[in-house]
Amino acid sequence: MPDRLRERRTWIDFALVIVLLTVAGAVGAFVWNWVWTPPVGVAYGHKWVAEDEAGLQAMFDATGWYVVIASVIGLVVGLLAALFLDRVPLLTLAGVVIGSVLGTIVMLNLGLALGPDDPHEIARTADDGTHLEGQLEVTGKSPWIAMPAGALIGLTIVFIGLGPRRRDRVDDLTAG
């Protein structure tokens, strides 16, 4: 195979890893909205107040669901990238890092945009006793590291755990 074609395929693999993780982030945003149950609250004194403890718990569930979904997405796409798009492992690593950061940004922003509007804003003009859904939001640093960590773990599993066996098999096939 000519070197130019091999180099072109390597850069296509690199771009494909980035695109896959970014698209996976968008899919994750929809899944996140689907599995999360918004807390229910009421407008009282032009402020939003959670109805009960379950409503308060649901506010924290948003971050938990985000971390679970983003970690699984990162792990799966990291495994697939390492298994099928690893012509140059360091370039695959760079693609996974860049793609998982982009996927995180897409998942967070799209997920928040798909979720309910800010109940605090709505409560300012709502009558007392009006039931309002809480907003989808995340807290802490864990949402920012979930997808990149999952993707790097998936990559590591294949590169370290399966790497020597896979490389030997490829070398045996090309040597004969």
C-alpha atoms as a PDB file:
ATOM      1  CA  MET A   1       0.000   0.000   0.000  1.00  0.00           C
ATOM      2  CA  PRO A   2       1.451   3.395  -0.916  1.00  0.00           C
ATOM      3  CA  ASP A   3       2.583   5.555   1.988  1.00  0.00           C
ATOM      4  CA  ARG A   4       0.227   8.411   1.043  1.00  0.00           C
ATOM      5  CA  LEU A   5      -2.794   6.113   1.191  1.00  0.00           C
ATOM      6  CA  ARG A   6      -1.665   4.652   4.515  1.00  0.00           C
ATOM      7  CA  GLU A   7      -1.153   8.164   5.907  1.00  0.00           C
ATOM      8  CA  ARG A   8      -4.566   9.293   4.635  1.00  0.00           C
ATOM      9  CA  ARG A   9      -6.256   6.285   6.265  1.00  0.00           C
ATOM     10  CA  THR A  10      -4.461   7.050   9.519  1.00  0.00           C
ATOM     11  CA  TRP A  11      -5.829  10.609   9.559  1.00  0.00           C
ATOM     12  CA  ILE A  12      -9.291   9.354   8.619  1.00  0.00           C
ATOM     13  CA  ASP A  13      -9.162   6.986  11.599  1.00  0.00           C
ATOM     14  CA  PHE A  14      -8.084   9.888  13.819  1.00  0.00           C
ATOM     15  CA  ALA A  15     -10.975  12.050  12.635  1.00  0.00           C
ATOM     16  CA  LEU A  16     -13.398   9.147  12.910  1.00  0.00           C
ATOM     17  CA  VAL A  17     -12.511   8.618  16.583  1.00  0.00           C
ATOM     18  CA  ILE A  18     -13.219  12.289  17.279  1.00  0.00           C
ATOM     19  CA  VAL A  19     -16.510  12.224  15.357  1.00  0.00           C
ATOM     20  CA  LEU A  20     -17.643   8.987  17.031  1.00  0.00           C
ATOM     21  CA  LEU A  21     -17.081  10.366  20.526  1.00  0.00           C
ATOM     22  CA  THR A  22     -18.757  13.674  19.665  1.00  0.00           C
ATOM     23  CA  VAL A  23     -21.808  11.933  18.192  1.00  0.00           C
ATOM     24  CA  ALA A  24     -21.852   9.559  21.164  1.00  0.00           C
ATOM     25  CA  GLY A  25     -22.003  12.643  23.398  1.00  0.00           C
ATOM     26  CA  ALA A  26     -25.094  13.836  21.524  1.00  0.00           C
ATOM     27  CA  VAL A  27     -26.720  10.413  21.856  1.00  0.00           C
ATOM     28  CA  GLY A  28     -25.786  10.440  25.540  1.00  0.00           C
ATOM     29  CA  ALA A  29     -27.610  13.744  25.995  1.00  0.00           C
ATOM     30  CA  PHE A  30     -30.835  12.175  24.739  1.00  0.00           C
ATOM     31  CA  VAL A  31     -30.362   9.067  26.891  1.00  0.00           C
ATOM     32  CA  TRP A  32     -29.614  11.261  29.907  1.00  0.00           C
ATOM     33  CA  ASN A  33     -32.869  13.166  29.406  1.00  0.00           C
ATOM     34  CA  TRP A  34     -34.762   9.922  28.904  1.00  0.00           C
ATOM     35  CA  VAL A  35     -33.603   8.188  32.122  1.00  0.00           C
ATOM     36  CA  TRP A  36     -33.618  11.240  34.422  1.00  0.00           C
ATOM     37  CA  THR A  37     -36.775  12.071  36.299  1.00  0.00           C
ATOM     38  CA  PRO A  38     -37.111  15.791  36.975  1.00  0.00           C
ATOM     39  CA  PRO A  39     -37.852  16.855  40.531  1.00  0.00           C
ATOM     40  CA  VAL A  40     -41.280  18.321  41.074  1.00  0.00           C
ATOM     41  CA  GLY A  41     -41.678  21.545  42.954  1.00  0.00           C
ATOM     42  CA  VAL A  42     -44.105  24.370  43.420  1.00  0.00           C
ATOM     43  CA  ALA A  43     -44.009  28.105  43.004  1.00  0.00           C
ATOM     44  CA  TYR A  44     -44.293  29.787  46.381  1.00  0.00           C
ATOM     45  CA  GLY A  45     -43.655  33.486  46.919  1.00  0.00           C
ATOM     46  CA  HIS A  46     -42.340  33.741  43.346  1.00  0.00           C
ATOM     47  CA  LYS A  47     -39.664  31.149  44.127  1.00  0.00           C
ATOM     48  CA  TRP A  48     -39.389  27.484  43.179  1.00  0.00           C
ATOM     49  CA  VAL A  49     -39.383  25.063  46.111  1.00  0.00           C
ATOM     50  CA  ALA A  50     -38.976  21.280  45.855  1.00  0.00           C
ATOM     51  CA  GLU A  51     -42.136  19.505  47.015  1.00  0.00           C
ATOM     52  CA  ASP A  52     -40.427  16.837  49.102  1.00  0.00           C
ATOM     53  CA  GLU A  53     -37.197  14.975  49.771  1.00  0.00           C
ATOM     54  CA  ALA A  54     -37.640  12.911  46.604  1.00  0.00           C
ATOM     55  CA  GLY A  55     -37.597  16.166  44.638  1.00  0.00           C
ATOM     56  CA  LEU A  56     -34.344  17.174  46.275  1.00  0.00           C
ATOM     57  CA  GLN A  57     -32.881  13.709  45.597  1.00  0.00           C
ATOM     58  CA  ALA A  58     -33.821  13.982  41.909  1.00  0.00           C
ATOM     59  CA  MET A  59     -31.727  17.141  41.673  1.00  0.00           C
ATOM     60  CA  PHE A  60     -28.651  15.093  42.616  1.00  0.00           C
ATOM     61  CA  ASP A  61     -29.705  12.180  40.404  1.00  0.00           C
ATOM     62  CA  ALA A  62     -29.076  14.332  37.335  1.00  0.00           C
ATOM     63  CA  THR A  63     -25.339  14.390  38.043  1.00  0.00           C
ATOM     64  CA  GLY A  64     -25.273  10.699  38.903  1.00  0.00           C
ATOM     65  CA  TRP A  65     -27.070   9.665  35.728  1.00  0.00           C
ATOM     66  CA  TYR A  66     -24.819  11.917  33.669  1.00  0.00           C
ATOM     67  CA  VAL A  67     -21.669  10.308  35.122  1.00  0.00           C
ATOM     68  CA  VAL A  68     -22.957   6.761  34.569  1.00  0.00           C
ATOM     69  CA  ILE A  69     -24.045   7.384  30.982  1.00  0.00           C
ATOM     70  CA  ALA A  70     -20.944   9.372  30.012  1.00  0.00           C
ATOM     71  CA  SER A  71     -18.623   6.782  31.577  1.00  0.00           C
ATOM     72  CA  VAL A  72     -20.274   3.883  29.728  1.00  0.00           C
ATOM     73  CA  ILE A  73     -20.259   5.797  26.436  1.00  0.00           C
ATOM     74  CA  GLY A  74     -16.587   6.659  26.886  1.00  0.00           C
ATOM     75  CA  LEU A  75     -15.696   3.076  27.779  1.00  0.00           C
ATOM     76  CA  VAL A  76     -17.526   1.551  24.809  1.00  0.00           C
ATOM     77  CA  VAL A  77     -16.232   4.038  22.227  1.00  0.00           C
ATOM     78  CA  GLY A  78     -12.713   3.851  23.717  1.00  0.00           C
ATOM     79  CA  LEU A  79     -12.773   0.057  23.373  1.00  0.00           C
ATOM     80  CA  LEU A  80     -14.050   0.264  19.787  1.00  0.00           C
ATOM     81  CA  ALA A  81     -11.501   2.914  18.825  1.00  0.00           C
ATOM     82  CA  ALA A  82      -8.648   0.842  20.231  1.00  0.00           C
ATOM     83  CA  LEU A  83      -9.883  -2.321  18.536  1.00  0.00           C
ATOM     84  CA  PHE A  84     -10.670  -0.975  15.077  1.00  0.00           C
ATOM     85  CA  LEU A  85      -9.072   2.461  14.603  1.00  0.00           C
ATOM     86  CA  ASP A  86      -5.573   1.971  15.981  1.00  0.00           C
ATOM     87  CA  ARG A  87      -3.223   2.257  12.984  1.00  0.00           C
ATOM     88  CA  VAL A  88      -1.067   4.638  15.014  1.00  0.00           C
ATOM     89  CA  PRO A  89      -1.792   4.097  18.724  1.00  0.00           C
ATOM     90  CA  LEU A  90      -0.562   7.534  19.821  1.00  0.00           C
ATOM     91  CA  LEU A  91      -2.791   9.205  17.245  1.00  0.00           C
ATOM     92  CA  THR A  92      -5.700   7.061  18.450  1.00  0.00           C
ATOM     93  CA  LEU A  93      -4.940   8.206  21.999  1.00  0.00           C
ATOM     94  CA  ALA A  94      -4.947  11.845  20.881  1.00  0.00           C
ATOM     95  CA  GLY A  95      -8.237  11.321  19.033  1.00  0.00           C
ATOM     96  CA  VAL A  96      -9.805   9.734  22.110  1.00  0.00           C
ATOM     97  CA  VAL A  97      -8.707  12.612  24.328  1.00  0.00           C
ATOM     98  CA  ILE A  98      -9.933  15.303  21.920  1.00  0.00           C
ATOM     99  CA  GLY A  99     -13.129  13.416  21.039  1.00  0.00           C
ATOM    100  CA  SER A 100     -14.059  12.659  24.636  1.00  0.00           C
ATOM    101  CA  VAL A 101     -13.651  16.305  25.627  1.00  0.00           C
ATOM    102  CA  LEU A 102     -15.821  17.372  22.679  1.00  0.00           C
ATOM    103  CA  GLY A 103     -18.314  14.612  23.514  1.00  0.00           C
ATOM    104  CA  THR A 104     -18.481  15.881  27.097  1.00  0.00           C
ATOM    105  CA  ILE A 105     -19.152  19.438  25.964  1.00  0.00           C
ATOM    106  CA  VAL A 106     -21.846  18.276  23.529  1.00  0.00           C
ATOM    107  CA  MET A 107     -23.499  15.971  26.066  1.00  0.00           C
ATOM    108  CA  LEU A 108     -23.594  18.621  28.768  1.00  0.00           C
ATOM    109  CA  ASN A 109     -24.808  21.476  26.606  1.00  0.00           C
ATOM    110  CA  LEU A 110     -27.321  19.490  24.557  1.00  0.00           C
ATOM    111  CA  GLY A 111     -28.588  17.626  27.615  1.00  0.00           C
ATOM    112  CA  LEU A 112     -29.168  20.848  29.518  1.00  0.00           C
ATOM    113  CA  ALA A 113     -30.871  22.414  26.501  1.00  0.00           C
ATOM    114  CA  LEU A 114     -33.200  19.401  26.133  1.00  0.00           C
ATOM    115  CA  GLY A 115     -34.161  19.450  29.802  1.00  0.00           C
ATOM    116  CA  PRO A 116     -36.871  21.520  31.466  1.00  0.00           C
ATOM    117  CA  ASP A 117     -36.518  25.277  31.701  1.00  0.00           C
ATOM    118  CA  ASP A 118     -35.219  26.890  34.879  1.00  0.00           C
ATOM    119  CA  PRO A 119     -38.091  26.664  37.386  1.00  0.00           C
ATOM    120  CA  HIS A 120     -36.707  29.612  39.348  1.00  0.00           C
ATOM    121  CA  GLU A 121     -37.299  31.871  36.347  1.00  0.00           C
ATOM    122  CA  ILE A 122     -40.775  30.487  35.704  1.00  0.00           C
ATOM    123  CA  ALA A 123     -41.706  30.776  39.403  1.00  0.00           C
ATOM    124  CA  ARG A 124     -41.081  34.542  39.339  1.00  0.00           C
ATOM    125  CA  THR A 125     -44.278  35.031  37.340  1.00  0.00           C
ATOM    126  CA  ALA A 126     -46.228  31.903  38.380  1.00  0.00           C
ATOM    127  CA  ASP A 127     -49.064  31.800  40.872  1.00  0.00           C
ATOM    128  CA  ASP A 128     -48.403  30.216  44.267  1.00  0.00           C
ATOM    129  CA  GLY A 129     -49.008  26.472  44.187  1.00  0.00           C
ATOM    130  CA  THR A 130     -48.179  26.073  40.487  1.00  0.00           C
ATOM    131  CA  HIS A 131     -46.387  22.741  39.964  1.00  0.00           C
ATOM    132  CA  LEU A 132     -43.099  23.086  38.079  1.00  0.00           C
ATOM    133  CA  GLU A 133     -40.481  20.546  37.013  1.00  0.00           C
ATOM    134  CA  GLY A 134     -36.950  21.107  38.200  1.00  0.00           C
ATOM    135  CA  GLN A 135     -34.126  21.866  35.822  1.00  0.00           C
ATOM    136  CA  LEU A 136     -31.612  19.323  34.588  1.00  0.00           C
ATOM    137  CA  GLU A 137     -28.244  20.366  35.965  1.00  0.00           C
ATOM    138  CA  VAL A 138     -24.956  18.900  37.086  1.00  0.00           C
ATOM    139  CA  THR A 139     -22.619  19.768  39.907  1.00  0.00           C
ATOM    140  CA  GLY A 140     -18.995  19.113  40.698  1.00  0.00           C
ATOM    141  CA  LYS A 141     -16.090  18.046  38.528  1.00  0.00           C
ATOM    142  CA  SER A 142     -17.131  14.436  37.940  1.00  0.00           C
ATOM    143  CA  PRO A 143     -19.238  15.245  34.842  1.00  0.00           C
ATOM    144  CA  TRP A 144     -16.178  16.758  33.172  1.00  0.00           C
ATOM    145  CA  ILE A 145     -14.016  13.679  33.684  1.00  0.00           C
ATOM    146  CA  ALA A 146     -16.560  10.857  33.251  1.00  0.00           C
ATOM    147  CA  MET A 147     -16.420  10.415  29.470  1.00  0.00           C
ATOM    148  CA  PRO A 148     -12.668  11.052  29.093  1.00  0.00           C
ATOM    149  CA  ALA A 149     -11.910   8.648  31.959  1.00  0.00           C
ATOM    150  CA  GLY A 150     -14.193   5.966  30.526  1.00  0.00           C
ATOM    151  CA  ALA A 151     -12.669   6.355  27.064  1.00  0.00           C
ATOM    152  CA  LEU A 152      -9.116   6.160  28.389  1.00  0.00           C
ATOM    153  CA  ILE A 153      -9.950   3.075  30.446  1.00  0.00           C
ATOM    154  CA  GLY A 154     -11.399   1.397  27.341  1.00  0.00           C
ATOM    155  CA  LEU A 155      -8.322   2.325  25.349  1.00  0.00           C
ATOM    156  CA  THR A 156      -6.028   1.043  28.087  1.00  0.00           C
ATOM    157  CA  ILE A 157      -7.867  -2.276  28.366  1.00  0.00           C
ATOM    158  CA  VAL A 158      -7.250  -2.986  24.695  1.00  0.00           C
ATOM    159  CA  PHE A 159      -3.772  -1.492  24.322  1.00  0.00           C
ATOM    160  CA  ILE A 160      -2.323  -3.119  27.435  1.00  0.00           C
ATOM    161  CA  GLY A 161      -4.563  -6.126  27.957  1.00  0.00           C
ATOM    162  CA  LEU A 162      -4.989  -7.238  24.368  1.00  0.00           C
ATOM    163  CA  GLY A 163      -2.224  -5.271  22.674  1.00  0.00           C
ATOM    164  CA  PRO A 164       0.605  -7.823  22.584  1.00  0.00           C
ATOM    165  CA  ARG A 165      -1.681 -10.649  21.417  1.00  0.00           C
ATOM    166  CA  ARG A 166      -3.311  -8.482  18.765  1.00  0.00           C
ATOM    167  CA  ARG A 167       0.016  -7.184  17.457  1.00  0.00           C
ATOM    168  CA  ASP A 168       1.475 -10.712  17.245  1.00  0.00           C
ATOM    169  CA  ARG A 169      -1.553 -11.926  15.322  1.00  0.00           C
ATOM    170  CA  VAL A 170      -1.319  -9.016  12.859  1.00  0.00           C
ATOM    171  CA  ASP A 171       2.423  -9.588  12.407  1.00  0.00           C
ATOM    172  CA  ASP A 172       1.850 -13.309  11.776  1.00  0.00           C
ATOM    173  CA  LEU A 173      -0.742 -12.510   9.125  1.00  0.00           C
ATOM    174  CA  THR A 174       1.440  -9.993   7.315  1.00  0.00           C
ATOM    175  CA  ALA A 175       4.640 -12.062   7.549  1.00  0.00           C
ATOM    176  CA  GLY A 176       3.208 -15.017   5.627  1.00  0.00           C
END
